[in-house]
């Protein structure tokens, strides 16, 4: 899974802003854990509509970083 900010829909950006309580232009200022969870959630929902934000609590930092690596084309299981 590749998380490319430029491919986010307006609805996904709005959801990210709601989840992180930050505007998209300030998304990466300050603590990053909530932003990382929100990004992982929004993009995972594209292929797994049953995935919940709560499900991101068990995702490791390694898996989240791997998901954002554009060379990693395989989805996480």
C-alpha atoms as a PDB file:
ATOM      1  CA  UNK A   1       0.000   0.000   0.000  1.00  0.00           C
ATOM      2  CA  UNK A   2       1.380   3.350  -1.020  1.00  0.00           C
ATOM      3  CA  UNK A   3       0.136   6.409   0.825  1.00  0.00           C
ATOM      4  CA  UNK A   4       0.489   9.294  -1.590  1.00  0.00           C
ATOM      5  CA  UNK A   5      -0.939  12.524  -0.168  1.00  0.00           C
ATOM      6  CA  UNK A   6      -1.669  13.821  -3.676  1.00  0.00           C
ATOM      7  CA  UNK A   7      -4.101  10.964  -4.359  1.00  0.00           C
ATOM      8  CA  UNK A   8      -6.288  11.694  -1.336  1.00  0.00           C
ATOM      9  CA  UNK A   9      -9.833  12.683  -2.159  1.00  0.00           C
ATOM     10  CA  UNK A  10     -11.373  15.790  -0.633  1.00  0.00           C
ATOM     11  CA  UNK A  11     -13.550  13.552   1.546  1.00  0.00           C
ATOM     12  CA  UNK A  12     -10.454  11.700   2.775  1.00  0.00           C
ATOM     13  CA  UNK A  13      -8.694  14.975   3.563  1.00  0.00           C
ATOM     14  CA  UNK A  14     -11.753  16.159   5.468  1.00  0.00           C
ATOM     15  CA  UNK A  15     -11.797  12.896   7.432  1.00  0.00           C
ATOM     16  CA  UNK A  16      -8.074  13.252   8.209  1.00  0.00           C
ATOM     17  CA  UNK A  17      -8.672  16.777   9.463  1.00  0.00           C
ATOM     18  CA  UNK A  18     -11.524  15.590  11.668  1.00  0.00           C
ATOM     19  CA  UNK A  19      -9.522  12.647  13.058  1.00  0.00           C
ATOM     20  CA  UNK A  20      -6.421  14.714  13.792  1.00  0.00           C
ATOM     21  CA  UNK A  21      -8.098  18.038  14.624  1.00  0.00           C
ATOM     22  CA  UNK A  22      -5.591  19.723  12.282  1.00  0.00           C
ATOM     23  CA  UNK A  23      -5.932  21.386   8.903  1.00  0.00           C
ATOM     24  CA  UNK A  24      -4.166  19.626   6.028  1.00  0.00           C
ATOM     25  CA  UNK A  25      -1.549  22.401   5.810  1.00  0.00           C
ATOM     26  CA  UNK A  26      -0.668  21.854   9.509  1.00  0.00           C
ATOM     27  CA  UNK A  27      -1.119  18.062   9.465  1.00  0.00           C
ATOM     28  CA  UNK A  28       2.559  17.284  10.018  1.00  0.00           C
ATOM     29  CA  UNK A  29       3.271  19.949  12.634  1.00  0.00           C
ATOM     30  CA  UNK A  30       3.561  18.551  16.148  1.00  0.00           C
ATOM     31  CA  UNK A  31       2.971  14.953  17.290  1.00  0.00           C
ATOM     32  CA  UNK A  32       2.763  12.440  14.462  1.00  0.00           C
ATOM     33  CA  UNK A  33       1.190   9.272  15.913  1.00  0.00           C
ATOM     34  CA  UNK A  34      -2.426  10.381  15.429  1.00  0.00           C
ATOM     35  CA  UNK A  35      -1.622  11.604  11.904  1.00  0.00           C
ATOM     36  CA  UNK A  36       0.019   8.286  11.039  1.00  0.00           C
ATOM     37  CA  UNK A  37      -2.977   6.349  12.386  1.00  0.00           C
ATOM     38  CA  UNK A  38      -5.407   8.572  10.497  1.00  0.00           C
ATOM     39  CA  UNK A  39      -3.489   8.237   7.224  1.00  0.00           C
ATOM     40  CA  UNK A  40      -3.234   4.472   7.610  1.00  0.00           C
ATOM     41  CA  UNK A  41      -6.948   4.273   8.400  1.00  0.00           C
ATOM     42  CA  UNK A  42      -8.139   6.432   5.510  1.00  0.00           C
ATOM     43  CA  UNK A  43      -6.041   4.620   2.923  1.00  0.00           C
ATOM     44  CA  UNK A  44      -6.778   1.124   4.264  1.00  0.00           C
ATOM     45  CA  UNK A  45     -10.513   1.864   4.111  1.00  0.00           C
ATOM     46  CA  UNK A  46     -10.179   2.172   0.335  1.00  0.00           C
ATOM     47  CA  UNK A  47      -9.682  -1.589   0.047  1.00  0.00           C
ATOM     48  CA  UNK A  48     -11.225  -2.743   3.331  1.00  0.00           C
ATOM     49  CA  UNK A  49     -14.433  -0.831   4.134  1.00  0.00           C
ATOM     50  CA  UNK A  50     -14.799  -2.795   7.390  1.00  0.00           C
ATOM     51  CA  UNK A  51     -11.473  -1.472   8.744  1.00  0.00           C
ATOM     52  CA  UNK A  52     -12.043   0.910  11.668  1.00  0.00           C
ATOM     53  CA  UNK A  53      -9.930   3.642  13.189  1.00  0.00           C
ATOM     54  CA  UNK A  54      -9.790   1.507  16.331  1.00  0.00           C
ATOM     55  CA  UNK A  55      -8.141  -1.244  14.250  1.00  0.00           C
ATOM     56  CA  UNK A  56      -5.136   1.031  13.747  1.00  0.00           C
ATOM     57  CA  UNK A  57      -4.258   0.724  17.445  1.00  0.00           C
ATOM     58  CA  UNK A  58      -2.673  -2.681  16.793  1.00  0.00           C
ATOM     59  CA  UNK A  59      -0.659  -1.607  13.716  1.00  0.00           C
ATOM     60  CA  UNK A  60       3.066  -1.499  14.438  1.00  0.00           C
ATOM     61  CA  UNK A  61       5.230   1.446  13.439  1.00  0.00           C
ATOM     62  CA  UNK A  62       7.102  -0.945  11.119  1.00  0.00           C
ATOM     63  CA  UNK A  63       3.884  -1.915   9.325  1.00  0.00           C
ATOM     64  CA  UNK A  64       2.736   1.693   9.084  1.00  0.00           C
ATOM     65  CA  UNK A  65       6.070   2.819   7.651  1.00  0.00           C
ATOM     66  CA  UNK A  66       6.110  -0.105   5.241  1.00  0.00           C
ATOM     67  CA  UNK A  67       2.638   0.890   4.076  1.00  0.00           C
ATOM     68  CA  UNK A  68       3.919   4.346   3.204  1.00  0.00           C
ATOM     69  CA  UNK A  69       6.891   3.014   1.222  1.00  0.00           C
ATOM     70  CA  UNK A  70       6.065   3.506  -2.465  1.00  0.00           C
ATOM     71  CA  UNK A  71       8.245   0.494  -3.352  1.00  0.00           C
ATOM     72  CA  UNK A  72       5.983  -1.758  -1.278  1.00  0.00           C
ATOM     73  CA  UNK A  73       3.151  -2.602  -3.635  1.00  0.00           C
ATOM     74  CA  UNK A  74       1.729  -5.489  -1.616  1.00  0.00           C
ATOM     75  CA  UNK A  75      -1.113  -4.691   0.824  1.00  0.00           C
ATOM     76  CA  UNK A  76      -0.672  -5.515   4.480  1.00  0.00           C
ATOM     77  CA  UNK A  77      -2.498  -8.590   5.712  1.00  0.00           C
END
